[in-house]
C-alpha atoms as a PDB file:
ATOM      1  CA  UNK A   1      61.782  88.496  90.783  1.00  0.00           C
ATOM      2  CA  UNK A   2      62.174  85.650  87.584  1.00  0.00           C
ATOM      3  CA  UNK A   3      61.209  81.973  88.818  1.00  0.00           C
ATOM      4  CA  UNK A   4      63.261  80.295  85.907  1.00  0.00           C
ATOM      5  CA  UNK A   5      66.234  81.030  84.437  1.00  0.00           C
ATOM      6  CA  UNK A   6      69.599  79.816  81.894  1.00  0.00           C
ATOM      7  CA  UNK A   7      72.394  79.580  84.095  1.00  0.00           C
ATOM      8  CA  UNK A   8      75.848  81.296  82.714  1.00  0.00           C
ATOM      9  CA  UNK A   9      78.610  79.166  84.019  1.00  0.00           C
ATOM     10  CA  UNK A  10      82.415  78.890  83.674  1.00  0.00           C
ATOM     11  CA  UNK A  11      83.626  75.387  81.935  1.00  0.00           C
ATOM     12  CA  UNK A  12      87.097  73.386  81.995  1.00  0.00           C
ATOM     13  CA  UNK A  13      87.160  72.783  77.962  1.00  0.00           C
ATOM     14  CA  UNK A  14      89.857  70.614  78.161  1.00  0.00           C
ATOM     15  CA  UNK A  15      92.173  68.668  80.370  1.00  0.00           C
ATOM     16  CA  UNK A  16      95.593  71.252  80.148  1.00  0.00           C
ATOM     17  CA  UNK A  17      99.356  70.578  79.716  1.00  0.00           C
ATOM     18  CA  UNK A  18     101.863  73.268  81.319  1.00  0.00           C
ATOM     19  CA  UNK A  19     100.264  77.012  82.236  1.00  0.00           C
ATOM     20  CA  UNK A  20      96.546  77.214  82.086  1.00  0.00           C
ATOM     21  CA  UNK A  21      95.105  79.742  78.949  1.00  0.00           C
ATOM     22  CA  UNK A  22      91.708  81.323  78.743  1.00  0.00           C
ATOM     23  CA  UNK A  23      91.220  79.552  75.691  1.00  0.00           C
ATOM     24  CA  UNK A  24      91.319  76.157  77.900  1.00  0.00           C
ATOM     25  CA  UNK A  25      87.657  77.657  80.098  1.00  0.00           C
ATOM     26  CA  UNK A  26      84.953  78.907  78.217  1.00  0.00           C
ATOM     27  CA  UNK A  27      81.663  80.396  79.028  1.00  0.00           C
ATOM     28  CA  UNK A  28      78.549  78.927  78.503  1.00  0.00           C
ATOM     29  CA  UNK A  29      74.833  79.656  78.902  1.00  0.00           C
ATOM     30  CA  UNK A  30      72.944  76.100  79.938  1.00  0.00           C
ATOM     31  CA  UNK A  31      70.597  74.922  77.406  1.00  0.00           C
ATOM     32  CA  UNK A  32      67.984  74.130  79.728  1.00  0.00           C
ATOM     33  CA  UNK A  33      66.060  76.635  82.333  1.00  0.00           C
ATOM     34  CA  UNK A  34      66.822  76.451  85.579  1.00  0.00           C
ATOM     35  CA  UNK A  35      63.493  76.828  88.683  1.00  0.00           C
ATOM     36  CA  UNK A  36      64.744  79.098  91.201  1.00  0.00           C
ATOM     37  CA  UNK A  37      63.422  76.792  93.662  1.00  0.00           C
ATOM     38  CA  UNK A  38      64.392  73.904  95.023  1.00  0.00           C
ATOM     39  CA  UNK A  39      62.305  70.229  95.536  1.00  0.00           C
ATOM     40  CA  UNK A  40      60.126  69.726  98.499  1.00  0.00           C
ATOM     41  CA  UNK A  41      62.073  66.956 100.265  1.00  0.00           C
ATOM     42  CA  UNK A  42      65.735  67.450  98.809  1.00  0.00           C
ATOM     43  CA  UNK A  43      67.184  69.168 101.654  1.00  0.00           C
ATOM     44  CA  UNK A  44      69.019  71.023  99.610  1.00  0.00           C
ATOM     45  CA  UNK A  45      69.768  74.810  99.475  1.00  0.00           C
ATOM     46  CA  UNK A  46      69.747  77.405  96.357  1.00  0.00           C
ATOM     47  CA  UNK A  47      72.038  80.087  96.107  1.00  0.00           C
ATOM     48  CA  UNK A  48      73.000  83.040  93.934  1.00  0.00           C
ATOM     49  CA  UNK A  49      76.648  83.242  93.592  1.00  0.00           C
ATOM     50  CA  UNK A  50      78.097  86.809  94.473  1.00  0.00           C
ATOM     51  CA  UNK A  51      81.618  86.261  94.518  1.00  0.00           C
ATOM     52  CA  UNK A  52      84.359  83.679  93.777  1.00  0.00           C
ATOM     53  CA  UNK A  53      87.780  83.274  94.895  1.00  0.00           C
ATOM     54  CA  UNK A  54      90.780  82.655  92.188  1.00  0.00           C
ATOM     55  CA  UNK A  55      93.381  80.157  94.102  1.00  0.00           C
ATOM     56  CA  UNK A  56      96.939  78.242  93.504  1.00  0.00           C
ATOM     57  CA  UNK A  57      95.366  74.593  93.421  1.00  0.00           C
ATOM     58  CA  UNK A  58      93.211  75.397  90.305  1.00  0.00           C
ATOM     59  CA  UNK A  59      95.208  75.010  88.112  1.00  0.00           C
ATOM     60  CA  UNK A  60      96.855  71.927  89.327  1.00  0.00           C
ATOM     61  CA  UNK A  61      93.200  70.481  89.045  1.00  0.00           C
ATOM     62  CA  UNK A  62      92.899  71.308  85.241  1.00  0.00           C
ATOM     63  CA  UNK A  63      95.516  68.581  84.381  1.00  0.00           C
ATOM     64  CA  UNK A  64      94.256  64.929  84.103  1.00  0.00           C
ATOM     65  CA  UNK A  65      94.221  62.920  87.261  1.00  0.00           C
ATOM     66  CA  UNK A  66      96.725  60.460  87.994  1.00  0.00           C
ATOM     67  CA  UNK A  67      97.894  58.722  90.930  1.00  0.00           C
ATOM     68  CA  UNK A  68      99.966  61.374  92.580  1.00  0.00           C
ATOM     69  CA  UNK A  69      99.231  63.655  95.149  1.00  0.00           C
ATOM     70  CA  UNK A  70      96.634  66.188  92.765  1.00  0.00           C
ATOM     71  CA  UNK A  71      94.234  63.489  92.812  1.00  0.00           C
ATOM     72  CA  UNK A  72      94.625  62.742  96.642  1.00  0.00           C
ATOM     73  CA  UNK A  73      93.939  66.654  96.933  1.00  0.00           C
ATOM     74  CA  UNK A  74      90.774  66.806  94.954  1.00  0.00           C
ATOM     75  CA  UNK A  75      89.400  64.091  97.315  1.00  0.00           C
ATOM     76  CA  UNK A  76      90.547  65.853  99.887  1.00  0.00           C
ATOM     77  CA  UNK A  77      88.927  69.092  99.073  1.00  0.00           C
ATOM     78  CA  UNK A  78      85.661  67.045  97.920  1.00  0.00           C
ATOM     79  CA  UNK A  79      86.207  68.661  94.455  1.00  0.00           C
ATOM     80  CA  UNK A  80      86.469  65.010  92.685  1.00  0.00           C
ATOM     81  CA  UNK A  81      83.160  66.017  90.551  1.00  0.00           C
ATOM     82  CA  UNK A  82      84.260  69.527  89.568  1.00  0.00           C
ATOM     83  CA  UNK A  83      87.789  70.283  86.912  1.00  0.00           C
ATOM     84  CA  UNK A  84      85.987  67.556  84.107  1.00  0.00           C
ATOM     85  CA  UNK A  85      86.121  68.757  80.588  1.00  0.00           C
ATOM     86  CA  UNK A  86      82.199  69.973  79.654  1.00  0.00           C
ATOM     87  CA  UNK A  87      81.622  70.743  83.532  1.00  0.00           C
ATOM     88  CA  UNK A  88      81.861  73.871  85.309  1.00  0.00           C
ATOM     89  CA  UNK A  89      85.013  74.449  87.425  1.00  0.00           C
ATOM     90  CA  UNK A  90      84.574  74.803  91.453  1.00  0.00           C
ATOM     91  CA  UNK A  91      86.127  76.299  94.629  1.00  0.00           C
ATOM     92  CA  UNK A  92      85.579  78.582  97.732  1.00  0.00           C
ATOM     93  CA  UNK A  93      82.613  81.297  96.718  1.00  0.00           C
ATOM     94  CA  UNK A  94      80.259  83.555  98.713  1.00  0.00           C
ATOM     95  CA  UNK A  95      76.963  83.169  98.015  1.00  0.00           C
ATOM     96  CA  UNK A  96      73.531  84.143  98.902  1.00  0.00           C
ATOM     97  CA  UNK A  97      70.219  81.790  99.913  1.00  0.00           C
ATOM     98  CA  UNK A  98      67.430  81.965  97.368  1.00  0.00           C
ATOM     99  CA  UNK A  99      65.056  79.298  98.654  1.00  0.00           C
ATOM    100  CA  UNK A 100      66.013  76.767 101.069  1.00  0.00           C
ATOM    101  CA  UNK A 101      64.635  73.344 102.020  1.00  0.00           C
ATOM    102  CA  UNK A 102      67.136  72.933 104.544  1.00  0.00           C
ATOM    103  CA  UNK A 103      66.112  74.242 108.500  1.00  0.00           C
ATOM    104  CA  UNK A 104      69.619  75.223 109.306  1.00  0.00           C
ATOM    105  CA  UNK A 105      69.828  77.518 106.140  1.00  0.00           C
ATOM    106  CA  UNK A 106      66.812  80.526 105.430  1.00  0.00           C
ATOM    107  CA  UNK A 107      66.335  82.668 102.146  1.00  0.00           C
ATOM    108  CA  UNK A 108      68.339  85.693 102.763  1.00  0.00           C
ATOM    109  CA  UNK A 109      70.963  83.954 104.513  1.00  0.00           C
ATOM    110  CA  UNK A 110      74.438  84.348 103.272  1.00  0.00           C
ATOM    111  CA  UNK A 111      77.089  81.680 103.256  1.00  0.00           C
ATOM    112  CA  UNK A 112      80.503  80.516 101.923  1.00  0.00           C
ATOM    113  CA  UNK A 113      82.148  77.350 101.082  1.00  0.00           C
ATOM    114  CA  UNK A 114      82.504  75.046  97.636  1.00  0.00           C
ATOM    115  CA  UNK A 115      80.552  76.308  94.628  1.00  0.00           C
ATOM    116  CA  UNK A 116      80.795  75.950  90.994  1.00  0.00           C
ATOM    117  CA  UNK A 117      81.591  79.054  88.897  1.00  0.00           C
ATOM    118  CA  UNK A 118      77.750  79.750  87.879  1.00  0.00           C
ATOM    119  CA  UNK A 119      75.311  82.184  88.894  1.00  0.00           C
ATOM    120  CA  UNK A 120      73.333  80.023  90.570  1.00  0.00           C
ATOM    121  CA  UNK A 121      74.045  76.692  92.258  1.00  0.00           C
ATOM    122  CA  UNK A 122      71.292  74.364  94.064  1.00  0.00           C
ATOM    123  CA  UNK A 123      73.552  73.014  97.043  1.00  0.00           C
ATOM    124  CA  UNK A 124      73.851  70.460 100.043  1.00  0.00           C
ATOM    125  CA  UNK A 125      74.746  71.986 103.690  1.00  0.00           C
ATOM    126  CA  UNK A 126      77.721  69.909 103.612  1.00  0.00           C
ATOM    127  CA  UNK A 127      80.540  72.250 104.323  1.00  0.00           C
ATOM    128  CA  UNK A 128      78.681  75.175 103.844  1.00  0.00           C
ATOM    129  CA  UNK A 129      79.207  77.917 106.732  1.00  0.00           C
ATOM    130  CA  UNK A 130      76.969  80.938 107.293  1.00  0.00           C
ATOM    131  CA  UNK A 131      77.814  84.410 107.401  1.00  0.00           C
ATOM    132  CA  UNK A 132      77.356  86.487 110.221  1.00  0.00           C
ATOM    133  CA  UNK A 133      76.271  89.799 108.925  1.00  0.00           C
ATOM    134  CA  UNK A 134      76.845  91.624 112.153  1.00  0.00           C
ATOM    135  CA  UNK A 135      80.455  91.323 111.718  1.00  0.00           C
ATOM    136  CA  UNK A 136      81.406  94.606 109.668  1.00  0.00           C
ATOM    137  CA  UNK A 137      83.132  92.801 106.621  1.00  0.00           C
ATOM    138  CA  UNK A 138      83.109  92.820 103.063  1.00  0.00           C
ATOM    139  CA  UNK A 139      81.589  89.591 102.010  1.00  0.00           C
ATOM    140  CA  UNK A 140      84.036  89.346 100.060  1.00  0.00           C
ATOM    141  CA  UNK A 141      86.242  88.440 102.812  1.00  0.00           C
ATOM    142  CA  UNK A 142      84.723  85.330 103.256  1.00  0.00           C
ATOM    143  CA  UNK A 143      86.525  84.300 100.016  1.00  0.00           C
ATOM    144  CA  UNK A 144      89.981  84.775 101.734  1.00  0.00           C
ATOM    145  CA  UNK A 145      90.767  85.962 104.886  1.00  0.00           C
ATOM    146  CA  UNK A 146      87.441  84.854 106.876  1.00  0.00           C
ATOM    147  CA  UNK A 147      87.723  81.177 105.120  1.00  0.00           C
ATOM    148  CA  UNK A 148      90.307  79.065 103.474  1.00  0.00           C
ATOM    149  CA  UNK A 149      93.267  81.298 102.722  1.00  0.00           C
ATOM    150  CA  UNK A 150      93.162  83.330 106.370  1.00  0.00           C
ATOM    151  CA  UNK A 151      92.887  79.610 107.895  1.00  0.00           C
ATOM    152  CA  UNK A 152      95.629  78.119 105.274  1.00  0.00           C
ATOM    153  CA  UNK A 153      97.729  81.482 107.012  1.00  0.00           C
ATOM    154  CA  UNK A 154      97.242  80.514 110.612  1.00  0.00           C
ATOM    155  CA  UNK A 155      97.112  76.705 110.804  1.00  0.00           C
ATOM    156  CA  UNK A 156     100.646  76.877 108.313  1.00  0.00           C
ATOM    157  CA  UNK A 157     102.202  79.867 110.857  1.00  0.00           C
ATOM    158  CA  UNK A 158     100.780  78.832 114.567  1.00  0.00           C
ATOM    159  CA  UNK A 159      99.983  75.303 114.165  1.00  0.00           C
ATOM    160  CA  UNK A 160     102.840  73.661 111.993  1.00  0.00           C
ATOM    161  CA  UNK A 161     106.022  76.404 112.821  1.00  0.00           C
ATOM    162  CA  UNK A 162     104.805  77.294 116.366  1.00  0.00           C
ATOM    163  CA  UNK A 163     106.415  80.730 116.013  1.00  0.00           C
ATOM    164  CA  UNK A 164     108.702  82.741 119.355  1.00  0.00           C
ATOM    165  CA  UNK A 165     108.699  86.468 119.457  1.00  0.00           C
ATOM    166  CA  UNK A 166     112.306  87.586 117.777  1.00  0.00           C
ATOM    167  CA  UNK A 167     112.400  84.586 115.221  1.00  0.00           C
ATOM    168  CA  UNK A 168     113.423  84.828 111.644  1.00  0.00           C
ATOM    169  CA  UNK A 169     110.411  84.541 109.141  1.00  0.00           C
ATOM    170  CA  UNK A 170     110.567  84.112 105.799  1.00  0.00           C
ATOM    171  CA  UNK A 171     107.284  84.149 103.325  1.00  0.00           C
ATOM    172  CA  UNK A 172     107.971  83.454  99.469  1.00  0.00           C
ATOM    173  CA  UNK A 173     104.674  84.435  97.138  1.00  0.00           C
ATOM    174  CA  UNK A 174     104.485  87.214  99.704  1.00  0.00           C
ATOM    175  CA  UNK A 175     102.309  89.350  98.193  1.00  0.00           C
ATOM    176  CA  UNK A 176      99.587  87.106  97.358  1.00  0.00           C
ATOM    177  CA  UNK A 177      96.361  85.708  99.376  1.00  0.00           C
ATOM    178  CA  UNK A 178      98.600  83.813 101.866  1.00  0.00           C
ATOM    179  CA  UNK A 179     101.650  85.152 102.345  1.00  0.00           C
ATOM    180  CA  UNK A 180     100.698  88.615 103.133  1.00  0.00           C
ATOM    181  CA  UNK A 181      98.695  87.301 106.283  1.00  0.00           C
ATOM    182  CA  UNK A 182     101.325  85.418 107.468  1.00  0.00           C
ATOM    183  CA  UNK A 183     103.828  88.387 107.335  1.00  0.00           C
ATOM    184  CA  UNK A 184     101.322  90.398 109.133  1.00  0.00           C
ATOM    185  CA  UNK A 185     100.829  87.420 112.045  1.00  0.00           C
ATOM    186  CA  UNK A 186     104.341  86.988 112.140  1.00  0.00           C
ATOM    187  CA  UNK A 187     105.000  90.568 113.191  1.00  0.00           C
ATOM    188  CA  UNK A 188     101.961  90.569 115.714  1.00  0.00           C
ATOM    189  CA  UNK A 189     103.817  87.982 117.170  1.00  0.00           C
ATOM    190  CA  UNK A 190     107.460  89.752 117.570  1.00  0.00           C
ATOM    191  CA  UNK A 191     109.061  88.256 114.731  1.00  0.00           C
ATOM    192  CA  UNK A 192     111.462  89.833 112.168  1.00  0.00           C
ATOM    193  CA  UNK A 193     109.721  89.246 108.795  1.00  0.00           C
ATOM    194  CA  UNK A 194     111.056  89.018 104.949  1.00  0.00           C
ATOM    195  CA  UNK A 195     109.217  88.586 101.754  1.00  0.00           C
ATOM    196  CA  UNK A 196     109.718  87.886  98.456  1.00  0.00           C
ATOM    197  CA  UNK A 197     107.738  88.742  95.317  1.00  0.00           C
ATOM    198  CA  UNK A 198     107.547  89.158  91.445  1.00  0.00           C
ATOM    199  CA  UNK A 199     107.409  93.020  91.211  1.00  0.00           C
ATOM    200  CA  UNK A 200     108.807  96.257  92.788  1.00  0.00           C
ATOM    201  CA  UNK A 201     104.777  97.138  93.098  1.00  0.00           C
ATOM    202  CA  UNK A 202     104.687  93.850  94.790  1.00  0.00           C
ATOM    203  CA  UNK A 203     107.919  94.502  97.225  1.00  0.00           C
ATOM    204  CA  UNK A 204     106.492  98.214  97.865  1.00  0.00           C
ATOM    205  CA  UNK A 205     103.532  96.654  99.171  1.00  0.00           C
ATOM    206  CA  UNK A 206     104.904  94.477 101.478  1.00  0.00           C
ATOM    207  CA  UNK A 207     107.221  96.582 102.860  1.00  0.00           C
ATOM    208  CA  UNK A 208     105.103 100.100 102.939  1.00  0.00           C
ATOM    209  CA  UNK A 209     101.737  98.016 103.704  1.00  0.00           C
ATOM    210  CA  UNK A 210     102.163  95.023 105.168  1.00  0.00           C
ATOM    211  CA  UNK A 211     105.048  96.354 107.620  1.00  0.00           C
ATOM    212  CA  UNK A 212     107.936  93.470 106.688  1.00  0.00           C
ATOM    213  CA  UNK A 213     111.286  94.285 108.072  1.00  0.00           C
ATOM    214  CA  UNK A 214     112.643  93.762 104.409  1.00  0.00           C
ATOM    215  CA  UNK A 215     111.823  92.098 101.359  1.00  0.00           C
ATOM    216  CA  UNK A 216     113.401  91.353  97.312  1.00  0.00           C
ATOM    217  CA  UNK A 217     111.509  91.054  94.148  1.00  0.00           C
ATOM    218  CA  UNK A 218     113.103  87.307  93.266  1.00  0.00           C
ATOM    219  CA  UNK A 219     113.080  88.022  89.466  1.00  0.00           C
ATOM    220  CA  UNK A 220     115.856  90.702  89.800  1.00  0.00           C
ATOM    221  CA  UNK A 221     118.037  88.647  91.832  1.00  0.00           C
ATOM    222  CA  UNK A 222     120.683  86.495  89.616  1.00  0.00           C
ATOM    223  CA  UNK A 223     121.659  84.587  93.519  1.00  0.00           C
ATOM    224  CA  UNK A 224     118.963  83.840  95.815  1.00  0.00           C
ATOM    225  CA  UNK A 225     121.228  82.314  98.125  1.00  0.00           C
ATOM    226  CA  UNK A 226     123.119  85.730  98.264  1.00  0.00           C
ATOM    227  CA  UNK A 227     119.471  87.424  98.587  1.00  0.00           C
ATOM    228  CA  UNK A 228     118.538  85.293 101.694  1.00  0.00           C
ATOM    229  CA  UNK A 229     122.002  85.956 103.511  1.00  0.00           C
ATOM    230  CA  UNK A 230     121.839  89.450 102.694  1.00  0.00           C
ATOM    231  CA  UNK A 231     118.023  89.843 104.121  1.00  0.00           C
ATOM    232  CA  UNK A 232     118.392  87.352 106.674  1.00  0.00           C
ATOM    233  CA  UNK A 233     122.342  87.301 107.953  1.00  0.00           C
ATOM    234  CA  UNK A 234     121.774  85.071 111.015  1.00  0.00           C
ATOM    235  CA  UNK A 235     119.721  82.427 109.078  1.00  0.00           C
ATOM    236  CA  UNK A 236     115.596  81.265 108.958  1.00  0.00           C
ATOM    237  CA  UNK A 237     114.086  80.149 112.393  1.00  0.00           C
ATOM    238  CA  UNK A 238     110.465  79.599 110.159  1.00  0.00           C
ATOM    239  CA  UNK A 239     110.134  79.551 106.348  1.00  0.00           C
ATOM    240  CA  UNK A 240     106.700  79.252 104.997  1.00  0.00           C
ATOM    241  CA  UNK A 241     106.878  77.714 101.477  1.00  0.00           C
ATOM    242  CA  UNK A 242     104.294  78.573  98.978  1.00  0.00           C
ATOM    243  CA  UNK A 243     106.661  78.626  95.564  1.00  0.00           C
ATOM    244  CA  UNK A 244     109.215  75.518  95.389  1.00  0.00           C
ATOM    245  CA  UNK A 245     112.126  75.164  93.423  1.00  0.00           C
ATOM    246  CA  UNK A 246     115.330  77.028  93.608  1.00  0.00           C
ATOM    247  CA  UNK A 247     114.071  79.097  95.986  1.00  0.00           C
ATOM    248  CA  UNK A 248     113.247  76.166  98.488  1.00  0.00           C
ATOM    249  CA  UNK A 249     116.282  74.945  97.793  1.00  0.00           C
ATOM    250  CA  UNK A 250     118.317  78.187  98.864  1.00  0.00           C
ATOM    251  CA  UNK A 251     116.382  78.341 101.679  1.00  0.00           C
ATOM    252  CA  UNK A 252     117.197  75.216 103.164  1.00  0.00           C
ATOM    253  CA  UNK A 253     121.145  76.356 102.919  1.00  0.00           C
ATOM    254  CA  UNK A 254     119.825  79.808 105.010  1.00  0.00           C
ATOM    255  CA  UNK A 255     117.778  77.391 107.483  1.00  0.00           C
ATOM    256  CA  UNK A 256     119.095  77.710 111.344  1.00  0.00           C
ATOM    257  CA  UNK A 257     119.540  74.227 113.315  1.00  0.00           C
ATOM    258  CA  UNK A 258     115.705  73.657 114.336  1.00  0.00           C
ATOM    259  CA  UNK A 259     114.041  75.477 111.768  1.00  0.00           C
ATOM    260  CA  UNK A 260     110.100  74.698 110.655  1.00  0.00           C
ATOM    261  CA  UNK A 261     109.042  74.804 107.018  1.00  0.00           C
ATOM    262  CA  UNK A 262     105.242  75.141 106.227  1.00  0.00           C
ATOM    263  CA  UNK A 263     104.986  73.644 103.077  1.00  0.00           C
ATOM    264  CA  UNK A 264     101.802  76.063 101.758  1.00  0.00           C
ATOM    265  CA  UNK A 265     102.298  75.272  98.096  1.00  0.00           C
ATOM    266  CA  UNK A 266     104.693  75.085  95.295  1.00  0.00           C
ATOM    267  CA  UNK A 267     103.687  77.640  92.399  1.00  0.00           C
ATOM    268  CA  UNK A 268     106.207  77.585  90.539  1.00  0.00           C
ATOM    269  CA  UNK A 269     106.317  73.741  89.807  1.00  0.00           C
ATOM    270  CA  UNK A 270     102.438  73.432  88.780  1.00  0.00           C
ATOM    271  CA  UNK A 271     103.000  73.898  85.411  1.00  0.00           C
ATOM    272  CA  UNK A 272     106.265  73.116  84.127  1.00  0.00           C
ATOM    273  CA  UNK A 273     107.049  69.664  82.006  1.00  0.00           C
ATOM    274  CA  UNK A 274     110.076  68.796  84.145  1.00  0.00           C
ATOM    275  CA  UNK A 275     109.785  69.748  87.951  1.00  0.00           C
ATOM    276  CA  UNK A 276     112.716  70.756  89.573  1.00  0.00           C
ATOM    277  CA  UNK A 277     114.605  68.503  91.603  1.00  0.00           C
ATOM    278  CA  UNK A 278     115.980  69.718  95.128  1.00  0.00           C
ATOM    279  CA  UNK A 279     119.640  69.447  95.995  1.00  0.00           C
ATOM    280  CA  UNK A 280     119.349  70.678  99.421  1.00  0.00           C
ATOM    281  CA  UNK A 281     117.158  68.107 100.933  1.00  0.00           C
ATOM    282  CA  UNK A 282     120.494  66.280 103.070  1.00  0.00           C
ATOM    283  CA  UNK A 283     120.497  69.634 105.320  1.00  0.00           C
ATOM    284  CA  UNK A 284     116.749  68.872 106.874  1.00  0.00           C
ATOM    285  CA  UNK A 285     118.872  65.850 108.401  1.00  0.00           C
ATOM    286  CA  UNK A 286     121.733  67.788 109.773  1.00  0.00           C
ATOM    287  CA  UNK A 287     120.323  70.548 111.381  1.00  0.00           C
ATOM    288  CA  UNK A 288     117.111  68.498 111.859  1.00  0.00           C
ATOM    289  CA  UNK A 289     114.744  70.940 110.574  1.00  0.00           C
ATOM    290  CA  UNK A 290     110.729  69.818 110.486  1.00  0.00           C
ATOM    291  CA  UNK A 291     109.003  70.165 107.042  1.00  0.00           C
ATOM    292  CA  UNK A 292     105.325  69.394 106.661  1.00  0.00           C
ATOM    293  CA  UNK A 293     102.946  69.735 103.772  1.00  0.00           C
ATOM    294  CA  UNK A 294      99.440  70.751 104.874  1.00  0.00           C
ATOM    295  CA  UNK A 295      96.058  71.844 103.853  1.00  0.00           C
ATOM    296  CA  UNK A 296      93.421  73.980 105.534  1.00  0.00           C
ATOM    297  CA  UNK A 297      91.318  71.248 105.937  1.00  0.00           C
ATOM    298  CA  UNK A 298      93.576  69.355 107.827  1.00  0.00           C
ATOM    299  CA  UNK A 299      92.671  71.881 110.493  1.00  0.00           C
ATOM    300  CA  UNK A 300      89.115  72.901 109.744  1.00  0.00           C
ATOM    301  CA  UNK A 301      88.548  72.088 113.773  1.00  0.00           C
ATOM    302  CA  UNK A 302      90.917  75.106 114.575  1.00  0.00           C
ATOM    303  CA  UNK A 303      88.360  77.724 112.301  1.00  0.00           C
ATOM    304  CA  UNK A 304      86.178  79.119 115.361  1.00  0.00           C
ATOM    305  CA  UNK A 305      89.948  80.205 117.461  1.00  0.00           C
ATOM    306  CA  UNK A 306      90.988  81.595 114.333  1.00  0.00           C
ATOM    307  CA  UNK A 307      88.155  83.748 113.959  1.00  0.00           C
ATOM    308  CA  UNK A 308      88.583  84.569 117.713  1.00  0.00           C
ATOM    309  CA  UNK A 309      91.995  85.098 116.287  1.00  0.00           C
ATOM    310  CA  UNK A 310      92.016  87.266 113.563  1.00  0.00           C
ATOM    311  CA  UNK A 311      88.699  89.462 113.598  1.00  0.00           C
ATOM    312  CA  UNK A 312      89.661  91.621 116.515  1.00  0.00           C
ATOM    313  CA  UNK A 313      92.895  92.413 114.369  1.00  0.00           C
ATOM    314  CA  UNK A 314      90.609  93.130 111.606  1.00  0.00           C
ATOM    315  CA  UNK A 315      88.241  96.124 113.658  1.00  0.00           C
ATOM    316  CA  UNK A 316      91.256  97.235 115.135  1.00  0.00           C
ATOM    317  CA  UNK A 317      92.795  98.127 111.996  1.00  0.00           C
ATOM    318  CA  UNK A 318      95.977  96.126 113.028  1.00  0.00           C
ATOM    319  CA  UNK A 319      95.333  93.993 109.572  1.00  0.00           C
ATOM    320  CA  UNK A 320      95.514  94.917 106.301  1.00  0.00           C
ATOM    321  CA  UNK A 321      93.956  92.840 103.823  1.00  0.00           C
ATOM    322  CA  UNK A 322      94.158  93.577 100.132  1.00  0.00           C
ATOM    323  CA  UNK A 323      92.106  92.153  97.403  1.00  0.00           C
ATOM    324  CA  UNK A 324      92.900  92.328  93.466  1.00  0.00           C
ATOM    325  CA  UNK A 325      88.486  92.354  92.484  1.00  0.00           C
ATOM    326  CA  UNK A 326      87.557  92.315  89.231  1.00  0.00           C
ATOM    327  CA  UNK A 327      83.812  92.269  87.643  1.00  0.00           C
ATOM    328  CA  UNK A 328      81.828  89.883  86.042  1.00  0.00           C
ATOM    329  CA  UNK A 329      81.724  85.973  84.979  1.00  0.00           C
ATOM    330  CA  UNK A 330      83.028  86.740  81.881  1.00  0.00           C
ATOM    331  CA  UNK A 331      86.244  87.866  83.176  1.00  0.00           C
ATOM    332  CA  UNK A 332      86.840  84.909  85.244  1.00  0.00           C
ATOM    333  CA  UNK A 333      89.223  82.863  82.841  1.00  0.00           C
ATOM    334  CA  UNK A 334      91.132  85.760  82.665  1.00  0.00           C
ATOM    335  CA  UNK A 335      91.425  86.458  86.261  1.00  0.00           C
ATOM    336  CA  UNK A 336      92.017  83.095  86.840  1.00  0.00           C
ATOM    337  CA  UNK A 337      94.834  82.432  84.280  1.00  0.00           C
ATOM    338  CA  UNK A 338      95.976  85.953  85.494  1.00  0.00           C
ATOM    339  CA  UNK A 339      97.245  84.377  88.675  1.00  0.00           C
ATOM    340  CA  UNK A 340      99.309  81.962  87.461  1.00  0.00           C
ATOM    341  CA  UNK A 341     101.321  84.446  85.805  1.00  0.00           C
ATOM    342  CA  UNK A 342     101.599  86.989  88.606  1.00  0.00           C
ATOM    343  CA  UNK A 343      99.142  89.718  87.780  1.00  0.00           C
ATOM    344  CA  UNK A 344      97.073  89.887  90.551  1.00  0.00           C
ATOM    345  CA  UNK A 345      97.988  92.006  93.322  1.00  0.00           C
ATOM    346  CA  UNK A 346      97.071  90.848  96.482  1.00  0.00           C
ATOM    347  CA  UNK A 347      93.916  88.483  97.110  1.00  0.00           C
ATOM    348  CA  UNK A 348      92.002  87.360  93.426  1.00  0.00           C
ATOM    349  CA  UNK A 349      88.628  87.466  93.659  1.00  0.00           C
ATOM    350  CA  UNK A 350      85.773  87.547  90.941  1.00  0.00           C
ATOM    351  CA  UNK A 351      82.368  89.234  91.953  1.00  0.00           C
ATOM    352  CA  UNK A 352      80.023  88.180  89.369  1.00  0.00           C
ATOM    353  CA  UNK A 353      76.741  90.094  91.507  1.00  0.00           C
END
C-alpha cells in the first residue's frame, strides 16, 4: 500500500445565489502529498471515504451565511468550517479506518459520520459511529436508512407526530430519501398514506414499491387543494413536510382538527430569490394544529431505539429502500446538483471507492 498520496477533493468554488450549478463546485487534487498515517498522540483517525450522502440541506449551506436559520443549522450540524469557498464541502459519509491513534477505533473498522468530500480524511472520533459489520446490509445504507436520513424519518413521524392506527398521513417529496421511509413507517402503523412526487416514475414507485395507498404528480395538478381533497377526502391527520410553499399552503386547508405537521424541510424554497408567503397559517390556530420543525440531531439519543425498531423490518424485508448510486468523486457535483432538480430516484449516494 502507498504511504503517501495527493488527495482528490470536491471544493466549493464560491457562494451561490439561486439554484446550485455544477460550475459552483470543482474537483481538485491537493498540491501537497498526504501521509497515510496519523501522528502519534493526536487521537485522530485516518479514513478512506467509501460512500458520500447527497442531501438537500447541503444546497442551503452553499449560500453565504447570514443571521438567519441556515447559520444556526450549520452550527447545529457541526459544519461551521465546511461550505467555505476554497474548501471541501462536507456531509454524511461511510469510511474505512486506515490508521488510528484513538483506542476506540482500529485499522479495518468501518465508520459513519460527517466527513469532507475527499478520498481520505483525518478526523476525530466526535460524532463518529462504528458500523457493526455483522449486520448484513450494504455499507451504503449508513449514508441513509441507518444514519441521519433514517433517524430523521423516525423522529419526525413517531416522536413529533405520534401516529395512531387508522389515521391519514400525507408525505410530500415522498419518493426521496426521507419520504420513502416515512410512508412505509406509516403503513406499518396501519395508517392510510398518500404521497406526492414530481414524475410518473416516482408516483409508480410510491404505489407499486413502497405501498402507498394513493399518490399524485404535483407537476400535473393545476390545483393542489383539489388533488388533496381527491386523495384524502376526510382530511389529513399527519403531514410530513418536505416541500413548503404552495404545497404547505394547500395542506393547511386540508388538515383535521388536532392534526400534526413535522417540518423536515422546504426544498421548494431553498433556491428561489423571494420565498413564497404562507396565506393559510391562521388554520393552525382554529384547528389546533401542532406544527414543529426539527433536526435529526435533536433526537440523536433515540438512535439506538431507532435501530432496534428498523433493523428487524429490514431483515424481514418489510421495508423497501431505494438508492440512486453514482460512482466516482468526479461525478459528485452532478449528483448533488441533480438532487435539487429532482433527478434522483430514492436516496442519492456517491460511491467513491
